[in-house]
Amino acid sequence: MAVFVHGPEATGLGPEFFVERIKQGVLAGDKTTKISETPIELDGYKGVALEAENPLIHTSTRIFLVGDTVYQSMVTSPVAGNYTDTARFLDSFRLIPRTQK
């Protein structure tokens, strides 16, 4: 699980930019191809599920944008033996509101 807090105040770039950069990063590996990209929702927040693989590795990634924060969860496994609990692991996350200090 990765959390990216890069609001426009810090970078001058909107959080949507970082969602795209994360997707590009997943697909940037040598001989990596996108298998699917599906809009999803978790706890009322919109996101995307991205499936990709190269000749050796299969990657299942979910990316969610919550305000100025981007959350990414990912499972990688050998192509020859996908991790059977991928969906259960990715479905185990919940997004909860952040408290302001």
PDB file of N, CA and C in Angstrom:
ATOM      1  N   MET A   1       0.849  -1.156   0.000  1.00  0.00           N
ATOM      2  CA  MET A   1       0.000   0.000   0.000  1.00  0.00           C
ATOM      3  C   MET A   1       0.898   1.223   0.000  1.00  0.00           C
ATOM      4  N   ALA A   2       0.576   2.191  -0.844  1.00  0.00           N
ATOM      5  CA  ALA A   2       1.326   3.443  -0.895  1.00  0.00           C
ATOM      6  C   ALA A   2       0.350   4.604  -0.767  1.00  0.00           C
ATOM      7  N   VAL A   3       0.793   5.664  -0.107  1.00  0.00           N
ATOM      8  CA  VAL A   3      -0.018   6.863   0.071  1.00  0.00           C
ATOM      9  C   VAL A   3       0.806   8.041  -0.427  1.00  0.00           C
ATOM     10  N   PHE A   4       0.221   8.829  -1.323  1.00  0.00           N
ATOM     11  CA  PHE A   4       0.894   9.986  -1.900  1.00  0.00           C
ATOM     12  C   PHE A   4       0.100  11.237  -1.549  1.00  0.00           C
ATOM     13  N   VAL A   5       0.726  12.145  -0.804  1.00  0.00           N
ATOM     14  CA  VAL A   5       0.077  13.410  -0.457  1.00  0.00           C
ATOM     15  C   VAL A   5       0.898  14.511  -1.131  1.00  0.00           C
ATOM     16  N   HIS A   6       0.460  14.888  -2.306  1.00  0.00           N
ATOM     17  CA  HIS A   6       1.162  15.904  -3.097  1.00  0.00           C
ATOM     18  C   HIS A   6       0.142  16.892  -3.619  1.00  0.00           C
ATOM     19  N   GLY A   7      -0.397  17.698  -2.756  1.00  0.00           N
ATOM     20  CA  GLY A   7      -1.404  18.656  -3.176  1.00  0.00           C
ATOM     21  C   GLY A   7      -0.813  19.748  -4.049  1.00  0.00           C
ATOM     22  N   PRO A   8      -1.661  20.490  -4.738  1.00  0.00           N
ATOM     23  CA  PRO A   8      -1.209  21.568  -5.605  1.00  0.00           C
ATOM     24  C   PRO A   8      -0.331  22.585  -4.876  1.00  0.00           C
ATOM     25  N   GLU A   9      -0.534  22.736  -3.554  1.00  0.00           N
ATOM     26  CA  GLU A   9       0.287  23.672  -2.798  1.00  0.00           C
ATOM     27  C   GLU A   9       1.760  23.256  -2.818  1.00  0.00           C
ATOM     28  N   ALA A  10       2.014  21.967  -2.798  1.00  0.00           N
ATOM     29  CA  ALA A  10       3.385  21.459  -2.731  1.00  0.00           C
ATOM     30  C   ALA A  10       4.047  21.384  -4.100  1.00  0.00           C
ATOM     31  N   THR A  11       3.277  21.096  -5.127  1.00  0.00           N
ATOM     32  CA  THR A  11       3.880  20.810  -6.434  1.00  0.00           C
ATOM     33  C   THR A  11       3.368  21.680  -7.561  1.00  0.00           C
ATOM     34  N   GLY A  12       2.231  22.337  -7.349  1.00  0.00           N
ATOM     35  CA  GLY A  12       1.614  23.087  -8.442  1.00  0.00           C
ATOM     36  C   GLY A  12       0.830  22.190  -9.377  1.00  0.00           C
ATOM     37  N   LEU A  13       0.780  20.899  -9.074  1.00  0.00           N
ATOM     38  CA  LEU A  13       0.085  19.926  -9.921  1.00  0.00           C
ATOM     39  C   LEU A  13      -1.082  19.332  -9.144  1.00  0.00           C
ATOM     40  N   GLY A  14      -2.203  19.113  -9.832  1.00  0.00           N
ATOM     41  CA  GLY A  14      -3.367  18.524  -9.195  1.00  0.00           C
ATOM     42  C   GLY A  14      -3.167  17.047  -8.921  1.00  0.00           C
ATOM     43  N   PRO A  15      -3.922  16.486  -7.960  1.00  0.00           N
ATOM     44  CA  PRO A  15      -3.777  15.066  -7.629  1.00  0.00           C
ATOM     45  C   PRO A  15      -4.102  14.142  -8.791  1.00  0.00           C
ATOM     46  N   GLU A  16      -4.956  14.577  -9.717  1.00  0.00           N
ATOM     47  CA  GLU A  16      -5.263  13.745 -10.890  1.00  0.00           C
ATOM     48  C   GLU A  16      -3.996  13.450 -11.692  1.00  0.00           C
ATOM     49  N   PHE A  17      -3.067  14.419 -11.699  1.00  0.00           N
ATOM     50  CA  PHE A  17      -1.784  14.230 -12.374  1.00  0.00           C
ATOM     51  C   PHE A  17      -1.053  13.024 -11.790  1.00  0.00           C
ATOM     52  N   PHE A  18      -1.086  12.902 -10.453  1.00  0.00           N
ATOM     53  CA  PHE A  18      -0.373  11.807  -9.804  1.00  0.00           C
ATOM     54  C   PHE A  18      -1.039  10.462 -10.040  1.00  0.00           C
ATOM     55  N   VAL A  19      -2.358  10.441 -10.171  1.00  0.00           N
ATOM     56  CA  VAL A  19      -3.048   9.194 -10.533  1.00  0.00           C
ATOM     57  C   VAL A  19      -2.526   8.714 -11.882  1.00  0.00           C
ATOM     58  N   GLU A  20      -2.433   9.620 -12.848  1.00  0.00           N
ATOM     59  CA  GLU A  20      -1.929   9.257 -14.178  1.00  0.00           C
ATOM     60  C   GLU A  20      -0.475   8.814 -14.105  1.00  0.00           C
ATOM     61  N   ARG A  21       0.338   9.502 -13.320  1.00  0.00           N
ATOM     62  CA  ARG A  21       1.754   9.122 -13.198  1.00  0.00           C
ATOM     63  C   ARG A  21       1.905   7.738 -12.584  1.00  0.00           C
ATOM     64  N   ILE A  22       1.082   7.404 -11.601  1.00  0.00           N
ATOM     65  CA  ILE A  22       1.151   6.075 -10.989  1.00  0.00           C
ATOM     66  C   ILE A  22       0.778   5.021 -12.017  1.00  0.00           C
ATOM     67  N   LYS A  23      -0.287   5.266 -12.798  1.00  0.00           N
ATOM     68  CA  LYS A  23      -0.675   4.312 -13.843  1.00  0.00           C
ATOM     69  C   LYS A  23       0.459   4.138 -14.836  1.00  0.00           C
ATOM     70  N   GLN A  24       1.087   5.237 -15.256  1.00  0.00           N
ATOM     71  CA  GLN A  24       2.208   5.157 -16.188  1.00  0.00           C
ATOM     72  C   GLN A  24       3.368   4.385 -15.583  1.00  0.00           C
ATOM     73  N   GLY A  25       3.601   4.576 -14.283  1.00  0.00           N
ATOM     74  CA  GLY A  25       4.677   3.856 -13.616  1.00  0.00           C
ATOM     75  C   GLY A  25       4.451   2.356 -13.602  1.00  0.00           C
ATOM     76  N   VAL A  26       3.219   1.943 -13.376  1.00  0.00           N
ATOM     77  CA  VAL A  26       2.895   0.514 -13.387  1.00  0.00           C
ATOM     78  C   VAL A  26       3.160  -0.080 -14.769  1.00  0.00           C
ATOM     79  N   LEU A  27       2.867   0.699 -15.804  1.00  0.00           N
ATOM     80  CA  LEU A  27       2.992   0.204 -17.184  1.00  0.00           C
ATOM     81  C   LEU A  27       4.366   0.441 -17.795  1.00  0.00           C
ATOM     82  N   ALA A  28       5.283   1.073 -17.060  1.00  0.00           N
ATOM     83  CA  ALA A  28       6.566   1.476 -17.629  1.00  0.00           C
ATOM     84  C   ALA A  28       7.594   0.356 -17.734  1.00  0.00           C
ATOM     85  N   GLY A  29       7.346  -0.756 -17.079  1.00  0.00           N
ATOM     86  CA  GLY A  29       8.327  -1.840 -17.104  1.00  0.00           C
ATOM     87  C   GLY A  29       8.539  -2.411 -18.492  1.00  0.00           C
ATOM     88  N   ASP A  30       9.710  -2.979 -18.706  1.00  0.00           N
ATOM     89  CA  ASP A  30      10.069  -3.588 -19.989  1.00  0.00           C
ATOM     90  C   ASP A  30       9.060  -4.669 -20.383  1.00  0.00           C
ATOM     91  N   LYS A  31       8.519  -4.551 -21.570  1.00  0.00           N
ATOM     92  CA  LYS A  31       7.569  -5.513 -22.146  1.00  0.00           C
ATOM     93  C   LYS A  31       6.272  -5.625 -21.342  1.00  0.00           C
ATOM     94  N   THR A  32       5.955  -4.603 -20.547  1.00  0.00           N
ATOM     95  CA  THR A  32       4.722  -4.612 -19.766  1.00  0.00           C
ATOM     96  C   THR A  32       3.560  -4.160 -20.642  1.00  0.00           C
ATOM     97  N   THR A  33       2.463  -4.893 -20.579  1.00  0.00           N
ATOM     98  CA  THR A  33       1.262  -4.526 -21.331  1.00  0.00           C
ATOM     99  C   THR A  33       0.078  -4.409 -20.375  1.00  0.00           C
ATOM    100  N   LYS A  34      -0.812  -3.481 -20.707  1.00  0.00           N
ATOM    101  CA  LYS A  34      -2.019  -3.309 -19.916  1.00  0.00           C
ATOM    102  C   LYS A  34      -3.024  -4.368 -20.341  1.00  0.00           C
ATOM    103  N   ILE A  35      -3.556  -5.089 -19.383  1.00  0.00           N
ATOM    104  CA  ILE A  35      -4.575  -6.097 -19.646  1.00  0.00           C
ATOM    105  C   ILE A  35      -5.955  -5.459 -19.534  1.00  0.00           C
ATOM    106  N   SER A  36      -6.144  -4.635 -18.489  1.00  0.00           N
ATOM    107  CA  SER A  36      -7.439  -3.965 -18.319  1.00  0.00           C
ATOM    108  C   SER A  36      -7.277  -2.740 -17.433  1.00  0.00           C
ATOM    109  N   GLU A  37      -8.216  -1.818 -17.602  1.00  0.00           N
ATOM    110  CA  GLU A  37      -8.317  -0.637 -16.752  1.00  0.00           C
ATOM    111  C   GLU A  37      -9.802  -0.398 -16.530  1.00  0.00           C
ATOM    112  N   THR A  38     -10.236  -0.514 -15.276  1.00  0.00           N
ATOM    113  CA  THR A  38     -11.652  -0.469 -14.953  1.00  0.00           C
ATOM    114  C   THR A  38     -11.934   0.579 -13.889  1.00  0.00           C
ATOM    115  N   PRO A  39     -12.908   1.470 -14.117  1.00  0.00           N
ATOM    116  CA  PRO A  39     -13.292   2.402 -13.052  1.00  0.00           C
ATOM    117  C   PRO A  39     -13.907   1.624 -11.885  1.00  0.00           C
ATOM    118  N   ILE A  40     -13.537   2.009 -10.666  1.00  0.00           N
ATOM    119  CA  ILE A  40     -14.062   1.349  -9.470  1.00  0.00           C
ATOM    120  C   ILE A  40     -14.386   2.410  -8.422  1.00  0.00           C
ATOM    121  N   GLU A  41     -14.999   1.971  -7.332  1.00  0.00           N
ATOM    122  CA  GLU A  41     -15.330   2.869  -6.230  1.00  0.00           C
ATOM    123  C   GLU A  41     -15.097   2.125  -4.925  1.00  0.00           C
ATOM    124  N   LEU A  42     -14.614   2.857  -3.929  1.00  0.00           N
ATOM    125  CA  LEU A  42     -14.399   2.285  -2.605  1.00  0.00           C
ATOM    126  C   LEU A  42     -14.822   3.318  -1.569  1.00  0.00           C
ATOM    127  N   ASP A  43     -15.753   2.953  -0.732  1.00  0.00           N
ATOM    128  CA  ASP A  43     -16.231   3.834   0.330  1.00  0.00           C
ATOM    129  C   ASP A  43     -16.648   5.202  -0.206  1.00  0.00           C
ATOM    130  N   GLY A  44     -17.228   5.221  -1.408  1.00  0.00           N
ATOM    131  CA  GLY A  44     -17.700   6.456  -2.011  1.00  0.00           C
ATOM    132  C   GLY A  44     -16.652   7.233  -2.795  1.00  0.00           C
ATOM    133  N   TYR A  45     -15.417   6.746  -2.859  1.00  0.00           N
ATOM    134  CA  TYR A  45     -14.347   7.418  -3.590  1.00  0.00           C
ATOM    135  C   TYR A  45     -14.081   6.694  -4.903  1.00  0.00           C
ATOM    136  N   LYS A  46     -13.916   7.452  -5.949  1.00  0.00           N
ATOM    137  CA  LYS A  46     -13.674   6.879  -7.271  1.00  0.00           C
ATOM    138  C   LYS A  46     -12.221   6.465  -7.412  1.00  0.00           C
ATOM    139  N   GLY A  47     -12.032   5.421  -8.215  1.00  0.00           N
ATOM    140  CA  GLY A  47     -10.687   4.934  -8.445  1.00  0.00           C
ATOM    141  C   GLY A  47     -10.616   4.157  -9.742  1.00  0.00           C
ATOM    142  N   VAL A  48      -9.500   3.485  -9.915  1.00  0.00           N
ATOM    143  CA  VAL A  48      -9.286   2.674 -11.106  1.00  0.00           C
ATOM    144  C   VAL A  48      -8.573   1.383 -10.698  1.00  0.00           C
ATOM    145  N   ALA A  49      -8.998   0.283 -11.306  1.00  0.00           N
ATOM    146  CA  ALA A  49      -8.312  -1.000 -11.143  1.00  0.00           C
ATOM    147  C   ALA A  49      -7.530  -1.244 -12.423  1.00  0.00           C
ATOM    148  N   LEU A  50      -6.254  -1.508 -12.277  1.00  0.00           N
ATOM    149  CA  LEU A  50      -5.364  -1.679 -13.424  1.00  0.00           C
ATOM    150  C   LEU A  50      -4.711  -3.048 -13.340  1.00  0.00           C
ATOM    151  N   GLU A  51      -4.854  -3.820 -14.399  1.00  0.00           N
ATOM    152  CA  GLU A  51      -4.199  -5.132 -14.496  1.00  0.00           C
ATOM    153  C   GLU A  51      -3.164  -5.043 -15.602  1.00  0.00           C
ATOM    154  N   ALA A  52      -1.949  -5.513 -15.322  1.00  0.00           N
ATOM    155  CA  ALA A  52      -0.870  -5.461 -16.302  1.00  0.00           C
ATOM    156  C   ALA A  52       0.047  -6.650 -16.081  1.00  0.00           C
ATOM    157  N   GLU A  53       0.801  -6.975 -17.120  1.00  0.00           N
ATOM    158  CA  GLU A  53       1.812  -8.011 -16.940  1.00  0.00           C
ATOM    159  C   GLU A  53       2.906  -7.893 -17.975  1.00  0.00           C
ATOM    160  N   ASN A  54       4.046  -8.463 -17.620  1.00  0.00           N
ATOM    161  CA  ASN A  54       5.152  -8.643 -18.548  1.00  0.00           C
ATOM    162  C   ASN A  54       5.362 -10.151 -18.650  1.00  0.00           C
ATOM    163  N   PRO A  55       6.344 -10.618 -19.352  1.00  0.00           N
ATOM    164  CA  PRO A  55       6.477 -12.068 -19.493  1.00  0.00           C
ATOM    165  C   PRO A  55       6.641 -12.844 -18.175  1.00  0.00           C
ATOM    166  N   LEU A  56       7.033 -12.155 -17.089  1.00  0.00           N
ATOM    167  CA  LEU A  56       7.275 -12.847 -15.825  1.00  0.00           C
ATOM    168  C   LEU A  56       6.305 -12.488 -14.702  1.00  0.00           C
ATOM    169  N   ILE A  57       5.829 -11.239 -14.676  1.00  0.00           N
ATOM    170  CA  ILE A  57       5.088 -10.719 -13.520  1.00  0.00           C
ATOM    171  C   ILE A  57       3.701 -10.234 -13.916  1.00  0.00           C
ATOM    172  N   HIS A  58       2.690 -10.592 -13.107  1.00  0.00           N
ATOM    173  CA  HIS A  58       1.339 -10.059 -13.243  1.00  0.00           C
ATOM    174  C   HIS A  58       1.136  -9.061 -12.104  1.00  0.00           C
ATOM    175  N   THR A  59       0.568  -7.881 -12.419  1.00  0.00           N
ATOM    176  CA  THR A  59       0.356  -6.833 -11.432  1.00  0.00           C
ATOM    177  C   THR A  59      -1.117  -6.454 -11.388  1.00  0.00           C
ATOM    178  N   SER A  60      -1.686  -6.455 -10.194  1.00  0.00           N
ATOM    179  CA  SER A  60      -3.041  -5.962  -9.949  1.00  0.00           C
ATOM    180  C   SER A  60      -2.903  -4.728  -9.077  1.00  0.00           C
ATOM    181  N   THR A  61      -3.368  -3.588  -9.579  1.00  0.00           N
ATOM    182  CA  THR A  61      -3.209  -2.322  -8.869  1.00  0.00           C
ATOM    183  C   THR A  61      -4.555  -1.627  -8.738  1.00  0.00           C
ATOM    184  N   ARG A  62      -4.810  -1.034  -7.593  1.00  0.00           N
ATOM    185  CA  ARG A  62      -5.985  -0.189  -7.405  1.00  0.00           C
ATOM    186  C   ARG A  62      -5.503   1.171  -6.935  1.00  0.00           C
ATOM    187  N   ILE A  63      -6.024   2.211  -7.560  1.00  0.00           N
ATOM    188  CA  ILE A  63      -5.610   3.578  -7.272  1.00  0.00           C
ATOM    189  C   ILE A  63      -6.861   4.392  -6.951  1.00  0.00           C
ATOM    190  N   PHE A  64      -6.832   5.113  -5.836  1.00  0.00           N
ATOM    191  CA  PHE A  64      -7.972   5.928  -5.424  1.00  0.00           C
ATOM    192  C   PHE A  64      -7.519   7.345  -5.142  1.00  0.00           C
ATOM    193  N   LEU A  65      -8.344   8.289  -5.525  1.00  0.00           N
ATOM    194  CA  LEU A  65      -8.095   9.697  -5.266  1.00  0.00           C
ATOM    195  C   LEU A  65      -9.074  10.164  -4.193  1.00  0.00           C
ATOM    196  N   VAL A  66      -8.529  10.623  -3.071  1.00  0.00           N
ATOM    197  CA  VAL A  66      -9.340  11.107  -1.955  1.00  0.00           C
ATOM    198  C   VAL A  66      -8.834  12.506  -1.619  1.00  0.00           C
ATOM    199  N   GLY A  67      -9.556  13.521  -2.070  1.00  0.00           N
ATOM    200  CA  GLY A  67      -9.100  14.894  -1.867  1.00  0.00           C
ATOM    201  C   GLY A  67      -7.777  15.108  -2.565  1.00  0.00           C
ATOM    202  N   ASP A  68      -6.742  15.488  -1.815  1.00  0.00           N
ATOM    203  CA  ASP A  68      -5.424  15.686  -2.411  1.00  0.00           C
ATOM    204  C   ASP A  68      -4.496  14.505  -2.156  1.00  0.00           C
ATOM    205  N   THR A  69      -5.067  13.361  -1.760  1.00  0.00           N
ATOM    206  CA  THR A  69      -4.282  12.176  -1.444  1.00  0.00           C
ATOM    207  C   THR A  69      -4.607  11.053  -2.423  1.00  0.00           C
ATOM    208  N   VAL A  70      -3.557  10.390  -2.913  1.00  0.00           N
ATOM    209  CA  VAL A  70      -3.718   9.251  -3.815  1.00  0.00           C
ATOM    210  C   VAL A  70      -3.270   8.000  -3.059  1.00  0.00           C
ATOM    211  N   TYR A  71      -4.133   6.974  -3.055  1.00  0.00           N
ATOM    212  CA  TYR A  71      -3.836   5.697  -2.414  1.00  0.00           C
ATOM    213  C   TYR A  71      -3.648   4.647  -3.501  1.00  0.00           C
ATOM    214  N   GLN A  72      -2.604   3.847  -3.368  1.00  0.00           N
ATOM    215  CA  GLN A  72      -2.345   2.772  -4.321  1.00  0.00           C
ATOM    216  C   GLN A  72      -2.117   1.476  -3.552  1.00  0.00           C
ATOM    217  N   SER A  73      -2.873   0.457  -3.911  1.00  0.00           N
ATOM    218  CA  SER A  73      -2.616  -0.885  -3.396  1.00  0.00           C
ATOM    219  C   SER A  73      -2.247  -1.757  -4.581  1.00  0.00           C
ATOM    220  N   MET A  74      -1.317  -2.695  -4.357  1.00  0.00           N
ATOM    221  CA  MET A  74      -0.807  -3.481  -5.478  1.00  0.00           C
ATOM    222  C   MET A  74      -0.438  -4.884  -5.030  1.00  0.00           C
ATOM    223  N   VAL A  75      -0.701  -5.831  -5.904  1.00  0.00           N
ATOM    224  CA  VAL A  75      -0.257  -7.205  -5.715  1.00  0.00           C
ATOM    225  C   VAL A  75       0.502  -7.601  -6.976  1.00  0.00           C
ATOM    226  N   THR A  76       1.710  -8.107  -6.803  1.00  0.00           N
ATOM    227  CA  THR A  76       2.462  -8.653  -7.935  1.00  0.00           C
ATOM    228  C   THR A  76       2.709 -10.125  -7.671  1.00  0.00           C
ATOM    229  N   SER A  77       2.655 -10.907  -8.736  1.00  0.00           N
ATOM    230  CA  SER A  77       2.861 -12.344  -8.609  1.00  0.00           C
ATOM    231  C   SER A  77       3.416 -12.876  -9.924  1.00  0.00           C
ATOM    232  N   PRO A  78       4.040 -14.038  -9.876  1.00  0.00           N
ATOM    233  CA  PRO A  78       4.516 -14.635 -11.126  1.00  0.00           C
ATOM    234  C   PRO A  78       3.338 -14.912 -12.058  1.00  0.00           C
ATOM    235  N   VAL A  79       3.541 -14.712 -13.340  1.00  0.00           N
ATOM    236  CA  VAL A  79       2.491 -14.987 -14.326  1.00  0.00           C
ATOM    237  C   VAL A  79       2.065 -16.447 -14.249  1.00  0.00           C
ATOM    238  N   ALA A  80       3.019 -17.314 -14.015  1.00  0.00           N
ATOM    239  CA  ALA A  80       2.731 -18.751 -14.005  1.00  0.00           C
ATOM    240  C   ALA A  80       1.891 -19.191 -12.810  1.00  0.00           C
ATOM    241  N   GLY A  81       1.801 -18.374 -11.764  1.00  0.00           N
ATOM    242  CA  GLY A  81       1.053 -18.789 -10.584  1.00  0.00           C
ATOM    243  C   GLY A  81       0.475 -17.599  -9.858  1.00  0.00           C
ATOM    244  N   ASN A  82      -0.567 -17.003 -10.399  1.00  0.00           N
ATOM    245  CA  ASN A  82      -1.164 -15.824  -9.777  1.00  0.00           C
ATOM    246  C   ASN A  82      -1.513 -16.082  -8.321  1.00  0.00           C
ATOM    247  N   TYR A  83      -1.343 -15.061  -7.499  1.00  0.00           N
ATOM    248  CA  TYR A  83      -1.671 -15.122  -6.082  1.00  0.00           C
ATOM    249  C   TYR A  83      -3.182 -15.288  -5.956  1.00  0.00           C
ATOM    250  N   THR A  84      -3.616 -16.378  -5.408  1.00  0.00           N
ATOM    251  CA  THR A  84      -5.041 -16.709  -5.397  1.00  0.00           C
ATOM    252  C   THR A  84      -5.876 -15.782  -4.517  1.00  0.00           C
ATOM    253  N   ASP A  85      -5.252 -15.111  -3.555  1.00  0.00           N
ATOM    254  CA  ASP A  85      -5.991 -14.230  -2.660  1.00  0.00           C
ATOM    255  C   ASP A  85      -5.878 -12.759  -3.049  1.00  0.00           C
ATOM    256  N   THR A  86      -5.552 -12.466  -4.299  1.00  0.00           N
ATOM    257  CA  THR A  86      -5.396 -11.078  -4.741  1.00  0.00           C
ATOM    258  C   THR A  86      -6.647 -10.263  -4.463  1.00  0.00           C
ATOM    259  N   ALA A  87      -7.797 -10.720  -4.904  1.00  0.00           N
ATOM    260  CA  ALA A  87      -9.041  -9.964  -4.719  1.00  0.00           C
ATOM    261  C   ALA A  87      -9.343  -9.794  -3.232  1.00  0.00           C
ATOM    262  N   ARG A  88      -9.160 -10.818  -2.444  1.00  0.00           N
ATOM    263  CA  ARG A  88      -9.440 -10.733  -1.010  1.00  0.00           C
ATOM    264  C   ARG A  88      -8.526  -9.706  -0.349  1.00  0.00           C
ATOM    265  N   PHE A  89      -7.247  -9.703  -0.723  1.00  0.00           N
ATOM    266  CA  PHE A  89      -6.310  -8.735  -0.168  1.00  0.00           C
ATOM    267  C   PHE A  89      -6.693  -7.316  -0.569  1.00  0.00           C
ATOM    268  N   LEU A  90      -6.927  -7.084  -1.867  1.00  0.00           N
ATOM    269  CA  LEU A  90      -7.260  -5.737  -2.333  1.00  0.00           C
ATOM    270  C   LEU A  90      -8.606  -5.264  -1.795  1.00  0.00           C
ATOM    271  N   ASP A  91      -9.540  -6.182  -1.600  1.00  0.00           N
ATOM    272  CA  ASP A  91     -10.856  -5.827  -1.059  1.00  0.00           C
ATOM    273  C   ASP A  91     -10.818  -5.567   0.451  1.00  0.00           C
ATOM    274  N   SER A  92      -9.706  -5.878   1.108  1.00  0.00           N
ATOM    275  CA  SER A  92      -9.641  -5.735   2.564  1.00  0.00           C
ATOM    276  C   SER A  92      -9.412  -4.289   3.014  1.00  0.00           C
ATOM    277  N   PHE A  93      -9.069  -3.395   2.100  1.00  0.00           N
ATOM    278  CA  PHE A  93      -8.794  -2.009   2.474  1.00  0.00           C
ATOM    279  C   PHE A  93     -10.068  -1.189   2.576  1.00  0.00           C
ATOM    280  N   ARG A  94     -10.062  -0.209   3.451  1.00  0.00           N
ATOM    281  CA  ARG A  94     -11.141   0.755   3.602  1.00  0.00           C
ATOM    282  C   ARG A  94     -10.503   2.138   3.648  1.00  0.00           C
ATOM    283  N   LEU A  95     -11.218   3.109   3.108  1.00  0.00           N
ATOM    284  CA  LEU A  95     -10.741   4.488   3.163  1.00  0.00           C
ATOM    285  C   LEU A  95     -11.534   5.209   4.244  1.00  0.00           C
ATOM    286  N   ILE A  96     -10.836   5.777   5.187  1.00  0.00           N
ATOM    287  CA  ILE A  96     -11.501   6.489   6.273  1.00  0.00           C
ATOM    288  C   ILE A  96     -11.083   7.961   6.216  1.00  0.00           C
ATOM    289  N   PRO A  97     -11.956   8.859   6.656  1.00  0.00           N
ATOM    290  CA  PRO A  97     -11.616  10.282   6.611  1.00  0.00           C
ATOM    291  C   PRO A  97     -10.386  10.586   7.473  1.00  0.00           C
ATOM    292  N   ARG A  98      -9.550  11.487   6.962  1.00  0.00           N
ATOM    293  CA  ARG A  98      -8.388  11.924   7.738  1.00  0.00           C
ATOM    294  C   ARG A  98      -8.837  12.999   8.717  1.00  0.00           C
ATOM    295  N   THR A  99      -8.239  12.975   9.906  1.00  0.00           N
ATOM    296  CA  THR A  99      -8.551  14.017  10.877  1.00  0.00           C
ATOM    297  C   THR A  99      -7.584  15.169  10.688  1.00  0.00           C
ATOM    298  N   GLN A 100      -8.082  16.360  10.787  1.00  0.00           N
ATOM    299  CA  GLN A 100      -7.248  17.550  10.659  1.00  0.00           C
ATOM    300  C   GLN A 100      -6.601  17.860  12.004  1.00  0.00           C
ATOM    301  N   LYS A 101      -5.350  18.265  11.982  1.00  0.00           N
ATOM    302  CA  LYS A 101      -4.637  18.610  13.224  1.00  0.00           C
ATOM    303  C   LYS A 101      -4.641  20.100  13.421  1.00  0.00           C
TER     304      LYS A 101
END
